[in-house]
Amino acid sequence: MVLVVEDEYPLQGIVEETLTDGGFATDILSSGEEALTLFKGGLKNYKALVTDVNLKGRLDGWEVARQIREIDPECPVIYMTGAAAGEWAAQGVPNSILLQKPFAPAQLLTAISNLLNTGTSTG
C-alpha cells in the first residue's frame, strides 16, 4: 500500500493509475494533515510515501515526510515537485528520491521499485 499526498486532482489520477498499473494499492489524499492522521492510525501497512512538496494546508511535503520517518524510519519517500527541487538537499529526508514535474509515469514506478528493493526492512 502506497500513501500518496497530492492536492492537484489531475495529477492524483495520473499517479493513482500509474501505481495501480504497476501493481501497487494506493490511498490518495490531498493534505498532509490527512496523510499523517491515516499513517499514525496504523490501520494500513504503508510501504512507501509519495508526496507533492507544495501542499495546501499547514504542512508541506517535506514536513509530512519528516513526521512519517519519525514513526517509520525505513519508510521510502518520493517527493514530486515543479519548483522546489533546489530545496531537496536541505529539506529532504535521507534515502529519498525527488521527481521533477512533469515526469513520465515510468519514472515514478522505477523510483518506488528502487526504494522498496534497496530498503533494509524485510516486511
PDB file of N, CA and C in Angstrom:
ATOM      1  N   MET A   1       0.853  -1.181   0.000  1.00  0.00           N
ATOM      2  CA  MET A   1       0.000   0.000   0.000  1.00  0.00           C
ATOM      3  C   MET A   1       0.895   1.240   0.000  1.00  0.00           C
ATOM      4  N   VAL A   2       0.644   2.134  -0.939  1.00  0.00           N
ATOM      5  CA  VAL A   2       1.415   3.363  -1.068  1.00  0.00           C
ATOM      6  C   VAL A   2       0.523   4.543  -0.673  1.00  0.00           C
ATOM      7  N   LEU A   3       1.044   5.398   0.202  1.00  0.00           N
ATOM      8  CA  LEU A   3       0.334   6.599   0.624  1.00  0.00           C
ATOM      9  C   LEU A   3       0.768   7.744  -0.279  1.00  0.00           C
ATOM     10  N   VAL A   4      -0.197   8.355  -0.962  1.00  0.00           N
ATOM     11  CA  VAL A   4       0.089   9.435  -1.900  1.00  0.00           C
ATOM     12  C   VAL A   4      -0.566  10.714  -1.393  1.00  0.00           C
ATOM     13  N   VAL A   5       0.234  11.802  -1.345  1.00  0.00           N
ATOM     14  CA  VAL A   5      -0.293  13.105  -0.946  1.00  0.00           C
ATOM     15  C   VAL A   5      -0.075  14.059  -2.110  1.00  0.00           C
ATOM     16  N   GLU A   6      -1.164  14.442  -2.744  1.00  0.00           N
ATOM     17  CA  GLU A   6      -1.121  15.325  -3.921  1.00  0.00           C
ATOM     18  C   GLU A   6      -2.416  16.131  -3.934  1.00  0.00           C
ATOM     19  N   ASP A   7      -2.309  17.462  -4.018  1.00  0.00           N
ATOM     20  CA  ASP A   7      -3.527  18.277  -3.961  1.00  0.00           C
ATOM     21  C   ASP A   7      -4.038  18.718  -5.325  1.00  0.00           C
ATOM     22  N   GLU A   8      -3.389  18.302  -6.402  1.00  0.00           N
ATOM     23  CA  GLU A   8      -3.883  18.608  -7.744  1.00  0.00           C
ATOM     24  C   GLU A   8      -4.615  17.378  -8.277  1.00  0.00           C
ATOM     25  N   TYR A   9      -5.936  17.514  -8.485  1.00  0.00           N
ATOM     26  CA  TYR A   9      -6.738  16.348  -8.859  1.00  0.00           C
ATOM     27  C   TYR A   9      -6.298  15.675 -10.159  1.00  0.00           C
ATOM     28  N   PRO A  10      -5.922  16.437 -11.205  1.00  0.00           N
ATOM     29  CA  PRO A  10      -5.472  15.733 -12.422  1.00  0.00           C
ATOM     30  C   PRO A  10      -4.254  14.848 -12.162  1.00  0.00           C
ATOM     31  N   LEU A  11      -3.326  15.342 -11.342  1.00  0.00           N
ATOM     32  CA  LEU A  11      -2.126  14.564 -11.039  1.00  0.00           C
ATOM     33  C   LEU A  11      -2.446  13.381 -10.130  1.00  0.00           C
ATOM     34  N   GLN A  12      -3.425  13.548  -9.245  1.00  0.00           N
ATOM     35  CA  GLN A  12      -3.849  12.417  -8.413  1.00  0.00           C
ATOM     36  C   GLN A  12      -4.226  11.229  -9.291  1.00  0.00           C
ATOM     37  N   GLY A  13      -4.994  11.508 -10.332  1.00  0.00           N
ATOM     38  CA  GLY A  13      -5.450  10.446 -11.224  1.00  0.00           C
ATOM     39  C   GLY A  13      -4.305   9.764 -11.939  1.00  0.00           C
ATOM     40  N   ILE A  14      -3.337  10.564 -12.413  1.00  0.00           N
ATOM     41  CA  ILE A  14      -2.190  10.006 -13.121  1.00  0.00           C
ATOM     42  C   ILE A  14      -1.360   9.131 -12.186  1.00  0.00           C
ATOM     43  N   VAL A  15      -1.102   9.636 -10.980  1.00  0.00           N
ATOM     44  CA  VAL A  15      -0.297   8.875 -10.017  1.00  0.00           C
ATOM     45  C   VAL A  15      -1.016   7.590  -9.622  1.00  0.00           C
ATOM     46  N   GLU A  16      -2.307   7.695  -9.342  1.00  0.00           N
ATOM     47  CA  GLU A  16      -3.063   6.507  -8.948  1.00  0.00           C
ATOM     48  C   GLU A  16      -3.070   5.455 -10.057  1.00  0.00           C
ATOM     49  N   GLU A  17      -3.317   5.886 -11.284  1.00  0.00           N
ATOM     50  CA  GLU A  17      -3.352   4.953 -12.411  1.00  0.00           C
ATOM     51  C   GLU A  17      -1.981   4.299 -12.616  1.00  0.00           C
ATOM     52  N   THR A  18      -0.928   5.097 -12.533  1.00  0.00           N
ATOM     53  CA  THR A  18       0.428   4.580 -12.712  1.00  0.00           C
ATOM     54  C   THR A  18       0.753   3.521 -11.663  1.00  0.00           C
ATOM     55  N   LEU A  19       0.471   3.838 -10.401  1.00  0.00           N
ATOM     56  CA  LEU A  19       0.793   2.897  -9.326  1.00  0.00           C
ATOM     57  C   LEU A  19      -0.072   1.643  -9.388  1.00  0.00           C
ATOM     58  N   THR A  20      -1.355   1.815  -9.701  1.00  0.00           N
ATOM     59  CA  THR A  20      -2.254   0.669  -9.816  1.00  0.00           C
ATOM     60  C   THR A  20      -1.804  -0.250 -10.944  1.00  0.00           C
ATOM     61  N   ASP A  21      -1.460   0.357 -12.095  1.00  0.00           N
ATOM     62  CA  ASP A  21      -0.961  -0.444 -13.218  1.00  0.00           C
ATOM     63  C   ASP A  21       0.330  -1.163 -12.853  1.00  0.00           C
ATOM     64  N   GLY A  22       1.115  -0.568 -11.955  1.00  0.00           N
ATOM     65  CA  GLY A  22       2.365  -1.177 -11.520  1.00  0.00           C
ATOM     66  C   GLY A  22       2.186  -2.209 -10.422  1.00  0.00           C
ATOM     67  N   GLY A  23       0.937  -2.431 -10.016  1.00  0.00           N
ATOM     68  CA  GLY A  23       0.656  -3.462  -9.023  1.00  0.00           C
ATOM     69  C   GLY A  23       0.599  -2.976  -7.589  1.00  0.00           C
ATOM     70  N   PHE A  24       0.553  -1.654  -7.395  1.00  0.00           N
ATOM     71  CA  PHE A  24       0.509  -1.097  -6.048  1.00  0.00           C
ATOM     72  C   PHE A  24      -0.899  -0.637  -5.693  1.00  0.00           C
ATOM     73  N   ALA A  25      -1.343  -0.954  -4.485  1.00  0.00           N
ATOM     74  CA  ALA A  25      -2.573  -0.380  -3.959  1.00  0.00           C
ATOM     75  C   ALA A  25      -2.237   1.017  -3.426  1.00  0.00           C
ATOM     76  N   THR A  26      -3.161   1.951  -3.549  1.00  0.00           N
ATOM     77  CA  THR A  26      -2.868   3.321  -3.134  1.00  0.00           C
ATOM     78  C   THR A  26      -3.993   3.907  -2.288  1.00  0.00           C
ATOM     79  N   ASP A  27      -3.607   4.832  -1.424  1.00  0.00           N
ATOM     80  CA  ASP A  27      -4.540   5.752  -0.783  1.00  0.00           C
ATOM     81  C   ASP A  27      -4.081   7.139  -1.205  1.00  0.00           C
ATOM     82  N   ILE A  28      -4.968   7.898  -1.844  1.00  0.00           N
ATOM     83  CA  ILE A  28      -4.601   9.224  -2.332  1.00  0.00           C
ATOM     84  C   ILE A  28      -5.326  10.274  -1.503  1.00  0.00           C
ATOM     85  N   LEU A  29      -4.541  11.156  -0.895  1.00  0.00           N
ATOM     86  CA  LEU A  29      -5.083  12.215  -0.051  1.00  0.00           C
ATOM     87  C   LEU A  29      -4.593  13.555  -0.571  1.00  0.00           C
ATOM     88  N   SER A  30      -5.324  14.614  -0.231  1.00  0.00           N
ATOM     89  CA  SER A  30      -4.949  15.920  -0.762  1.00  0.00           C
ATOM     90  C   SER A  30      -4.285  16.819   0.263  1.00  0.00           C
ATOM     91  N   SER A  31      -4.156  16.366   1.516  1.00  0.00           N
ATOM     92  CA  SER A  31      -3.478  17.212   2.509  1.00  0.00           C
ATOM     93  C   SER A  31      -2.532  16.390   3.378  1.00  0.00           C
ATOM     94  N   GLY A  32      -1.470  17.059   3.816  1.00  0.00           N
ATOM     95  CA  GLY A  32      -0.508  16.409   4.694  1.00  0.00           C
ATOM     96  C   GLY A  32      -1.123  16.009   6.012  1.00  0.00           C
ATOM     97  N   GLU A  33      -2.031  16.842   6.508  1.00  0.00           N
ATOM     98  CA  GLU A  33      -2.689  16.544   7.787  1.00  0.00           C
ATOM     99  C   GLU A  33      -3.455  15.225   7.700  1.00  0.00           C
ATOM    100  N   GLU A  34      -4.217  15.055   6.601  1.00  0.00           N
ATOM    101  CA  GLU A  34      -4.965  13.809   6.410  1.00  0.00           C
ATOM    102  C   GLU A  34      -4.023  12.610   6.343  1.00  0.00           C
ATOM    103  N   ALA A  35      -2.936  12.785   5.613  1.00  0.00           N
ATOM    104  CA  ALA A  35      -1.987  11.681   5.440  1.00  0.00           C
ATOM    105  C   ALA A  35      -1.382  11.254   6.768  1.00  0.00           C
ATOM    106  N   LEU A  36      -0.990  12.227   7.584  1.00  0.00           N
ATOM    107  CA  LEU A  36      -0.388  11.889   8.876  1.00  0.00           C
ATOM    108  C   LEU A  36      -1.388  11.224   9.797  1.00  0.00           C
ATOM    109  N   THR A  37      -2.623  11.695   9.778  1.00  0.00           N
ATOM    110  CA  THR A  37      -3.659  11.075  10.605  1.00  0.00           C
ATOM    111  C   THR A  37      -3.836   9.611  10.219  1.00  0.00           C
ATOM    112  N   LEU A  38      -3.903   9.357   8.926  1.00  0.00           N
ATOM    113  CA  LEU A  38      -4.086   7.992   8.444  1.00  0.00           C
ATOM    114  C   LEU A  38      -2.866   7.130   8.772  1.00  0.00           C
ATOM    115  N   PHE A  39      -1.670   7.656   8.546  1.00  0.00           N
ATOM    116  CA  PHE A  39      -0.442   6.898   8.795  1.00  0.00           C
ATOM    117  C   PHE A  39      -0.309   6.581  10.286  1.00  0.00           C
ATOM    118  N   LYS A  40      -0.548   7.572  11.126  1.00  0.00           N
ATOM    119  CA  LYS A  40      -0.426   7.376  12.571  1.00  0.00           C
ATOM    120  C   LYS A  40      -1.478   6.420  13.105  1.00  0.00           C
ATOM    121  N   GLY A  41      -2.624   6.343  12.406  1.00  0.00           N
ATOM    122  CA  GLY A  41      -3.690   5.452  12.844  1.00  0.00           C
ATOM    123  C   GLY A  41      -3.282   3.992  12.784  1.00  0.00           C
ATOM    124  N   GLY A  42      -2.348   3.670  11.895  1.00  0.00           N
ATOM    125  CA  GLY A  42      -1.809   2.317  11.836  1.00  0.00           C
ATOM    126  C   GLY A  42      -2.759   1.260  11.321  1.00  0.00           C
ATOM    127  N   LEU A  43      -3.869   1.666  10.699  1.00  0.00           N
ATOM    128  CA  LEU A  43      -4.834   0.677  10.228  1.00  0.00           C
ATOM    129  C   LEU A  43      -4.362  -0.020   8.958  1.00  0.00           C
ATOM    130  N   LYS A  44      -3.487   0.645   8.207  1.00  0.00           N
ATOM    131  CA  LYS A  44      -2.975   0.061   6.975  1.00  0.00           C
ATOM    132  C   LYS A  44      -1.461   0.050   7.033  1.00  0.00           C
ATOM    133  N   ASN A  45      -0.877  -0.917   6.351  1.00  0.00           N
ATOM    134  CA  ASN A  45       0.573  -1.068   6.348  1.00  0.00           C
ATOM    135  C   ASN A  45       1.140  -0.384   5.103  1.00  0.00           C
ATOM    136  N   TYR A  46       1.489   0.889   5.236  1.00  0.00           N
ATOM    137  CA  TYR A  46       2.021   1.629   4.098  1.00  0.00           C
ATOM    138  C   TYR A  46       3.479   1.274   3.870  1.00  0.00           C
ATOM    139  N   LYS A  47       3.805   0.952   2.627  1.00  0.00           N
ATOM    140  CA  LYS A  47       5.164   0.559   2.249  1.00  0.00           C
ATOM    141  C   LYS A  47       5.980   1.743   1.757  1.00  0.00           C
ATOM    142  N   ALA A  48       5.307   2.842   1.350  1.00  0.00           N
ATOM    143  CA  ALA A  48       6.023   3.989   0.806  1.00  0.00           C
ATOM    144  C   ALA A  48       5.128   5.224   0.854  1.00  0.00           C
ATOM    145  N   LEU A  49       5.780   6.386   0.822  1.00  0.00           N
ATOM    146  CA  LEU A  49       5.105   7.681   0.754  1.00  0.00           C
ATOM    147  C   LEU A  49       5.508   8.363  -0.538  1.00  0.00           C
ATOM    148  N   VAL A  50       4.509   8.815  -1.289  1.00  0.00           N
ATOM    149  CA  VAL A  50       4.740   9.652  -2.469  1.00  0.00           C
ATOM    150  C   VAL A  50       4.037  10.968  -2.170  1.00  0.00           C
ATOM    151  N   THR A  51       4.801  12.067  -2.096  1.00  0.00           N
ATOM    152  CA  THR A  51       4.188  13.334  -1.709  1.00  0.00           C
ATOM    153  C   THR A  51       4.623  14.487  -2.596  1.00  0.00           C
ATOM    154  N   ASP A  52       3.661  15.340  -2.908  1.00  0.00           N
ATOM    155  CA  ASP A  52       3.968  16.615  -3.540  1.00  0.00           C
ATOM    156  C   ASP A  52       4.650  17.467  -2.470  1.00  0.00           C
ATOM    157  N   VAL A  53       5.544  18.348  -2.863  1.00  0.00           N
ATOM    158  CA  VAL A  53       6.227  19.195  -1.897  1.00  0.00           C
ATOM    159  C   VAL A  53       5.339  20.355  -1.464  1.00  0.00           C
ATOM    160  N   ASN A  54       4.715  21.030  -2.416  1.00  0.00           N
ATOM    161  CA  ASN A  54       3.877  22.197  -2.108  1.00  0.00           C
ATOM    162  C   ASN A  54       2.423  21.769  -1.987  1.00  0.00           C
ATOM    163  N   LEU A  55       1.955  21.684  -0.751  1.00  0.00           N
ATOM    164  CA  LEU A  55       0.596  21.246  -0.475  1.00  0.00           C
ATOM    165  C   LEU A  55      -0.206  22.384   0.141  1.00  0.00           C
ATOM    166  N   LYS A  56      -1.514  22.335  -0.075  1.00  0.00           N
ATOM    167  CA  LYS A  56      -2.385  23.273   0.627  1.00  0.00           C
ATOM    168  C   LYS A  56      -2.440  22.839   2.088  1.00  0.00           C
ATOM    169  N   GLY A  57      -2.668  23.777   2.969  1.00  0.00           N
ATOM    170  CA  GLY A  57      -2.724  23.424   4.390  1.00  0.00           C
ATOM    171  C   GLY A  57      -1.453  23.834   5.099  1.00  0.00           C
ATOM    172  N   ARG A  58      -1.333  23.446   6.360  1.00  0.00           N
ATOM    173  CA  ARG A  58      -0.205  23.873   7.192  1.00  0.00           C
ATOM    174  C   ARG A  58       1.074  23.100   6.895  1.00  0.00           C
ATOM    175  N   LEU A  59       0.949  21.857   6.463  1.00  0.00           N
ATOM    176  CA  LEU A  59       2.119  21.002   6.287  1.00  0.00           C
ATOM    177  C   LEU A  59       2.505  20.890   4.814  1.00  0.00           C
ATOM    178  N   ASP A  60       3.805  21.045   4.538  1.00  0.00           N
ATOM    179  CA  ASP A  60       4.271  20.779   3.183  1.00  0.00           C
ATOM    180  C   ASP A  60       4.791  19.342   3.118  1.00  0.00           C
ATOM    181  N   GLY A  61       5.166  18.917   1.931  1.00  0.00           N
ATOM    182  CA  GLY A  61       5.629  17.545   1.743  1.00  0.00           C
ATOM    183  C   GLY A  61       6.889  17.222   2.521  1.00  0.00           C
ATOM    184  N   TRP A  62       7.758  18.228   2.681  1.00  0.00           N
ATOM    185  CA  TRP A  62       8.979  17.998   3.464  1.00  0.00           C
ATOM    186  C   TRP A  62       8.614  17.591   4.893  1.00  0.00           C
ATOM    187  N   GLU A  63       7.669  18.333   5.483  1.00  0.00           N
ATOM    188  CA  GLU A  63       7.287  18.085   6.880  1.00  0.00           C
ATOM    189  C   GLU A  63       6.532  16.756   7.019  1.00  0.00           C
ATOM    190  N   VAL A  64       5.668  16.462   6.068  1.00  0.00           N
ATOM    191  CA  VAL A  64       4.943  15.183   6.102  1.00  0.00           C
ATOM    192  C   VAL A  64       5.945  14.025   6.133  1.00  0.00           C
ATOM    193  N   ALA A  65       6.949  14.088   5.254  1.00  0.00           N
ATOM    194  CA  ALA A  65       7.947  13.006   5.194  1.00  0.00           C
ATOM    195  C   ALA A  65       8.732  12.909   6.498  1.00  0.00           C
ATOM    196  N   ARG A  66       9.120  14.056   7.062  1.00  0.00           N
ATOM    197  CA  ARG A  66       9.874  14.021   8.328  1.00  0.00           C
ATOM    198  C   ARG A  66       9.050  13.365   9.434  1.00  0.00           C
ATOM    199  N   GLN A  67       7.768  13.722   9.533  1.00  0.00           N
ATOM    200  CA  GLN A  67       6.938  13.145  10.600  1.00  0.00           C
ATOM    201  C   GLN A  67       6.693  11.653  10.381  1.00  0.00           C
ATOM    202  N   ILE A  68       6.524  11.241   9.128  1.00  0.00           N
ATOM    203  CA  ILE A  68       6.335   9.817   8.854  1.00  0.00           C
ATOM    204  C   ILE A  68       7.610   9.043   9.181  1.00  0.00           C
ATOM    205  N   ARG A  69       8.765   9.624   8.887  1.00  0.00           N
ATOM    206  CA  ARG A  69      10.041   8.972   9.212  1.00  0.00           C
ATOM    207  C   ARG A  69      10.245   8.858  10.726  1.00  0.00           C
ATOM    208  N   GLU A  70       9.642   9.757  11.508  1.00  0.00           N
ATOM    209  CA  GLU A  70       9.728   9.626  12.966  1.00  0.00           C
ATOM    210  C   GLU A  70       8.981   8.382  13.427  1.00  0.00           C
ATOM    211  N   ILE A  71       7.922   8.034  12.722  1.00  0.00           N
ATOM    212  CA  ILE A  71       7.126   6.859  13.060  1.00  0.00           C
ATOM    213  C   ILE A  71       7.762   5.603  12.473  1.00  0.00           C
ATOM    214  N   ASP A  72       8.166   5.685  11.202  1.00  0.00           N
ATOM    215  CA  ASP A  72       8.756   4.553  10.488  1.00  0.00           C
ATOM    216  C   ASP A  72      10.032   5.027   9.798  1.00  0.00           C
ATOM    217  N   PRO A  73      11.185   4.868  10.457  1.00  0.00           N
ATOM    218  CA  PRO A  73      12.451   5.379   9.915  1.00  0.00           C
ATOM    219  C   PRO A  73      12.849   4.767   8.573  1.00  0.00           C
ATOM    220  N   GLU A  74      12.261   3.634   8.216  1.00  0.00           N
ATOM    221  CA  GLU A  74      12.631   2.951   6.965  1.00  0.00           C
ATOM    222  C   GLU A  74      11.690   3.282   5.801  1.00  0.00           C
ATOM    223  N   CYS A  75      10.637   4.028   6.038  1.00  0.00           N
ATOM    224  CA  CYS A  75       9.629   4.266   5.009  1.00  0.00           C
ATOM    225  C   CYS A  75      10.239   4.985   3.797  1.00  0.00           C
ATOM    226  N   PRO A  76      10.174   4.368   2.599  1.00  0.00           N
ATOM    227  CA  PRO A  76      10.674   5.042   1.401  1.00  0.00           C
ATOM    228  C   PRO A  76       9.841   6.282   1.091  1.00  0.00           C
ATOM    229  N   VAL A  77      10.519   7.349   0.664  1.00  0.00           N
ATOM    230  CA  VAL A  77       9.846   8.617   0.365  1.00  0.00           C
ATOM    231  C   VAL A  77      10.212   9.066  -1.041  1.00  0.00           C
ATOM    232  N   ILE A  78       9.178   9.412  -1.798  1.00  0.00           N
ATOM    233  CA  ILE A  78       9.377  10.013  -3.115  1.00  0.00           C
ATOM    234  C   ILE A  78       8.682  11.369  -3.107  1.00  0.00           C
ATOM    235  N   TYR A  79       9.451  12.408  -3.383  1.00  0.00           N
ATOM    236  CA  TYR A  79       8.908  13.756  -3.478  1.00  0.00           C
ATOM    237  C   TYR A  79       8.615  14.068  -4.943  1.00  0.00           C
ATOM    238  N   MET A  80       7.515  14.804  -5.169  1.00  0.00           N
ATOM    239  CA  MET A  80       7.198  15.313  -6.501  1.00  0.00           C
ATOM    240  C   MET A  80       7.147  16.833  -6.392  1.00  0.00           C
ATOM    241  N   THR A  81       7.817  17.539  -7.310  1.00  0.00           N
ATOM    242  CA  THR A  81       7.787  18.990  -7.245  1.00  0.00           C
ATOM    243  C   THR A  81       8.037  19.610  -8.606  1.00  0.00           C
ATOM    244  N   GLY A  82       7.444  20.760  -8.805  1.00  0.00           N
ATOM    245  CA  GLY A  82       7.709  21.509 -10.011  1.00  0.00           C
ATOM    246  C   GLY A  82       8.712  22.609  -9.767  1.00  0.00           C
ATOM    247  N   ALA A  83       8.770  23.114  -8.535  1.00  0.00           N
ATOM    248  CA  ALA A  83       9.574  24.311  -8.277  1.00  0.00           C
ATOM    249  C   ALA A  83      10.576  24.177  -7.137  1.00  0.00           C
ATOM    250  N   ALA A  84      10.439  23.172  -6.293  1.00  0.00           N
ATOM    251  CA  ALA A  84      11.236  23.136  -5.061  1.00  0.00           C
ATOM    252  C   ALA A  84      12.409  22.160  -5.112  1.00  0.00           C
ATOM    253  N   ALA A  85      12.820  21.744  -6.294  1.00  0.00           N
ATOM    254  CA  ALA A  85      13.889  20.741  -6.394  1.00  0.00           C
ATOM    255  C   ALA A  85      15.176  21.209  -5.724  1.00  0.00           C
ATOM    256  N   GLY A  86      15.452  22.494  -5.781  1.00  0.00           N
ATOM    257  CA  GLY A  86      16.670  23.025  -5.191  1.00  0.00           C
ATOM    258  C   GLY A  86      16.717  22.902  -3.682  1.00  0.00           C
ATOM    259  N   GLU A  87      15.557  22.696  -3.051  1.00  0.00           N
ATOM    260  CA  GLU A  87      15.489  22.597  -1.589  1.00  0.00           C
ATOM    261  C   GLU A  87      15.707  21.169  -1.093  1.00  0.00           C
ATOM    262  N   TRP A  88      15.749  20.200  -2.015  1.00  0.00           N
ATOM    263  CA  TRP A  88      15.772  18.792  -1.626  1.00  0.00           C
ATOM    264  C   TRP A  88      16.961  18.454  -0.733  1.00  0.00           C
ATOM    265  N   ALA A  89      18.144  18.956  -1.070  1.00  0.00           N
ATOM    266  CA  ALA A  89      19.338  18.620  -0.284  1.00  0.00           C
ATOM    267  C   ALA A  89      19.194  19.051   1.169  1.00  0.00           C
ATOM    268  N   ALA A  90      18.560  20.193   1.391  1.00  0.00           N
ATOM    269  CA  ALA A  90      18.412  20.710   2.748  1.00  0.00           C
ATOM    270  C   ALA A  90      17.161  20.184   3.442  1.00  0.00           C
ATOM    271  N   GLN A  91      16.083  19.968   2.694  1.00  0.00           N
ATOM    272  CA  GLN A  91      14.785  19.641   3.295  1.00  0.00           C
ATOM    273  C   GLN A  91      14.423  18.156   3.245  1.00  0.00           C
ATOM    274  N   GLY A  92      14.932  17.450   2.262  1.00  0.00           N
ATOM    275  CA  GLY A  92      14.525  16.059   2.069  1.00  0.00           C
ATOM    276  C   GLY A  92      15.090  15.119   3.118  1.00  0.00           C
ATOM    277  N   VAL A  93      14.376  14.033   3.369  1.00  0.00           N
ATOM    278  CA  VAL A  93      14.865  13.026   4.308  1.00  0.00           C
ATOM    279  C   VAL A  93      15.878  12.133   3.590  1.00  0.00           C
ATOM    280  N   PRO A  94      16.783  11.477   4.343  1.00  0.00           N
ATOM    281  CA  PRO A  94      17.745  10.567   3.711  1.00  0.00           C
ATOM    282  C   PRO A  94      17.041   9.431   2.972  1.00  0.00           C
ATOM    283  N   ASN A  95      17.715   8.877   1.994  1.00  0.00           N
ATOM    284  CA  ASN A  95      17.182   7.746   1.217  1.00  0.00           C
ATOM    285  C   ASN A  95      15.824   8.059   0.595  1.00  0.00           C
ATOM    286  N   SER A  96      15.723   9.241   0.034  1.00  0.00           N
ATOM    287  CA  SER A  96      14.507   9.621  -0.673  1.00  0.00           C
ATOM    288  C   SER A  96      14.870   9.917  -2.124  1.00  0.00           C
ATOM    289  N   ILE A  97      13.846  10.008  -2.952  1.00  0.00           N
ATOM    290  CA  ILE A  97      14.029  10.322  -4.368  1.00  0.00           C
ATOM    291  C   ILE A  97      13.146  11.525  -4.692  1.00  0.00           C
ATOM    292  N   LEU A  98      13.659  12.428  -5.518  1.00  0.00           N
ATOM    293  CA  LEU A  98      12.867  13.577  -5.945  1.00  0.00           C
ATOM    294  C   LEU A  98      12.597  13.463  -7.439  1.00  0.00           C
ATOM    295  N   LEU A  99      11.316  13.570  -7.813  1.00  0.00           N
ATOM    296  CA  LEU A  99      10.920  13.582  -9.213  1.00  0.00           C
ATOM    297  C   LEU A  99      10.502  15.001  -9.582  1.00  0.00           C
ATOM    298  N   GLN A 100      11.129  15.545 -10.583  1.00  0.00           N
ATOM    299  CA  GLN A 100      10.818  16.892 -11.052  1.00  0.00           C
ATOM    300  C   GLN A 100       9.595  16.811 -11.968  1.00  0.00           C
ATOM    301  N   LYS A 101       8.553  17.606 -11.671  1.00  0.00           N
ATOM    302  CA  LYS A 101       7.381  17.642 -12.547  1.00  0.00           C
ATOM    303  C   LYS A 101       7.720  18.465 -13.780  1.00  0.00           C
ATOM    304  N   PRO A 102       7.232  18.105 -14.951  1.00  0.00           N
ATOM    305  CA  PRO A 102       6.466  16.876 -15.211  1.00  0.00           C
ATOM    306  C   PRO A 102       7.411  15.689 -15.364  1.00  0.00           C
ATOM    307  N   PHE A 103       6.975  14.536 -14.924  1.00  0.00           N
ATOM    308  CA  PHE A 103       7.784  13.327 -15.053  1.00  0.00           C
ATOM    309  C   PHE A 103       6.973  12.249 -15.751  1.00  0.00           C
ATOM    310  N   ALA A 104       7.661  11.299 -16.335  1.00  0.00           N
ATOM    311  CA  ALA A 104       6.988  10.187 -17.006  1.00  0.00           C
ATOM    312  C   ALA A 104       6.503   9.198 -15.955  1.00  0.00           C
ATOM    313  N   PRO A 105       5.319   8.612 -16.146  1.00  0.00           N
ATOM    314  CA  PRO A 105       4.817   7.623 -15.182  1.00  0.00           C
ATOM    315  C   PRO A 105       5.827   6.524 -14.876  1.00  0.00           C
ATOM    316  N   ALA A 106       6.582   6.104 -15.869  1.00  0.00           N
ATOM    317  CA  ALA A 106       7.576   5.037 -15.646  1.00  0.00           C
ATOM    318  C   ALA A 106       8.624   5.463 -14.624  1.00  0.00           C
ATOM    319  N   GLN A 107       8.937   6.767 -14.569  1.00  0.00           N
ATOM    320  CA  GLN A 107       9.922   7.240 -13.596  1.00  0.00           C
ATOM    321  C   GLN A 107       9.425   7.017 -12.166  1.00  0.00           C
ATOM    322  N   LEU A 108       8.132   7.202 -11.952  1.00  0.00           N
ATOM    323  CA  LEU A 108       7.552   7.001 -10.624  1.00  0.00           C
ATOM    324  C   LEU A 108       7.653   5.526 -10.231  1.00  0.00           C
ATOM    325  N   LEU A 109       7.293   4.641 -11.135  1.00  0.00           N
ATOM    326  CA  LEU A 109       7.373   3.203 -10.832  1.00  0.00           C
ATOM    327  C   LEU A 109       8.810   2.774 -10.571  1.00  0.00           C
ATOM    328  N   THR A 110       9.743   3.287 -11.355  1.00  0.00           N
ATOM    329  CA  THR A 110      11.148   2.955 -11.163  1.00  0.00           C
ATOM    330  C   THR A 110      11.628   3.429  -9.799  1.00  0.00           C
ATOM    331  N   ALA A 111      11.244   4.655  -9.431  1.00  0.00           N
ATOM    332  CA  ALA A 111      11.666   5.221  -8.144  1.00  0.00           C
ATOM    333  C   ALA A 111      11.140   4.383  -6.984  1.00  0.00           C
ATOM    334  N   ILE A 112       9.864   4.023  -7.020  1.00  0.00           N
ATOM    335  CA  ILE A 112       9.285   3.225  -5.933  1.00  0.00           C
ATOM    336  C   ILE A 112       9.951   1.850  -5.876  1.00  0.00           C
ATOM    337  N   SER A 113      10.110   1.227  -7.023  1.00  0.00           N
ATOM    338  CA  SER A 113      10.733  -0.096  -7.042  1.00  0.00           C
ATOM    339  C   SER A 113      12.153  -0.044  -6.487  1.00  0.00           C
ATOM    340  N   ASN A 114      12.912   0.971  -6.891  1.00  0.00           N
ATOM    341  CA  ASN A 114      14.289   1.091  -6.401  1.00  0.00           C
ATOM    342  C   ASN A 114      14.324   1.257  -4.885  1.00  0.00           C
ATOM    343  N   LEU A 115      13.463   2.113  -4.347  1.00  0.00           N
ATOM    344  CA  LEU A 115      13.460   2.336  -2.899  1.00  0.00           C
ATOM    345  C   LEU A 115      12.987   1.097  -2.147  1.00  0.00           C
ATOM    346  N   LEU A 116      11.983   0.418  -2.650  1.00  0.00           N
ATOM    347  CA  LEU A 116      11.479  -0.776  -1.966  1.00  0.00           C
ATOM    348  C   LEU A 116      12.490  -1.914  -2.028  1.00  0.00           C
ATOM    349  N   ASN A 117      13.201  -2.032  -3.142  1.00  0.00           N
ATOM    350  CA  ASN A 117      14.173  -3.114  -3.291  1.00  0.00           C
ATOM    351  C   ASN A 117      15.449  -2.881  -2.528  1.00  0.00           C
ATOM    352  N   THR A 118      15.781  -1.623  -2.240  1.00  0.00           N
ATOM    353  CA  THR A 118      17.030  -1.348  -1.515  1.00  0.00           C
ATOM    354  C   THR A 118      16.787  -1.117  -0.030  1.00  0.00           C
ATOM    355  N   GLY A 119      15.523  -1.134   0.377  1.00  0.00           N
ATOM    356  CA  GLY A 119      15.211  -0.920   1.788  1.00  0.00           C
ATOM    357  C   GLY A 119      15.766  -2.031   2.655  1.00  0.00           C
ATOM    358  N   THR A 120      16.009  -1.713   3.925  1.00  0.00           N
ATOM    359  CA  THR A 120      16.578  -2.699   4.819  1.00  0.00           C
ATOM    360  C   THR A 120      15.505  -3.530   5.514  1.00  0.00           C
ATOM    361  N   SER A 121      14.251  -3.105   5.425  1.00  0.00           N
ATOM    362  CA  SER A 121      13.199  -3.867   6.094  1.00  0.00           C
ATOM    363  C   SER A 121      12.841  -5.091   5.252  1.00  0.00           C
ATOM    364  N   THR A 122      12.412  -6.135   5.917  1.00  0.00           N
ATOM    365  CA  THR A 122      12.072  -7.371   5.213  1.00  0.00           C
ATOM    366  C   THR A 122      10.579  -7.577   5.143  1.00  0.00           C
ATOM    367  N   GLY A 123       9.789  -6.620   5.655  1.00  0.00           N
ATOM    368  CA  GLY A 123       8.349  -6.799   5.733  1.00  0.00           C
ATOM    369  C   GLY A 123       7.639  -6.637   4.481  1.00  0.00           C
TER     370      GLY A 123
END
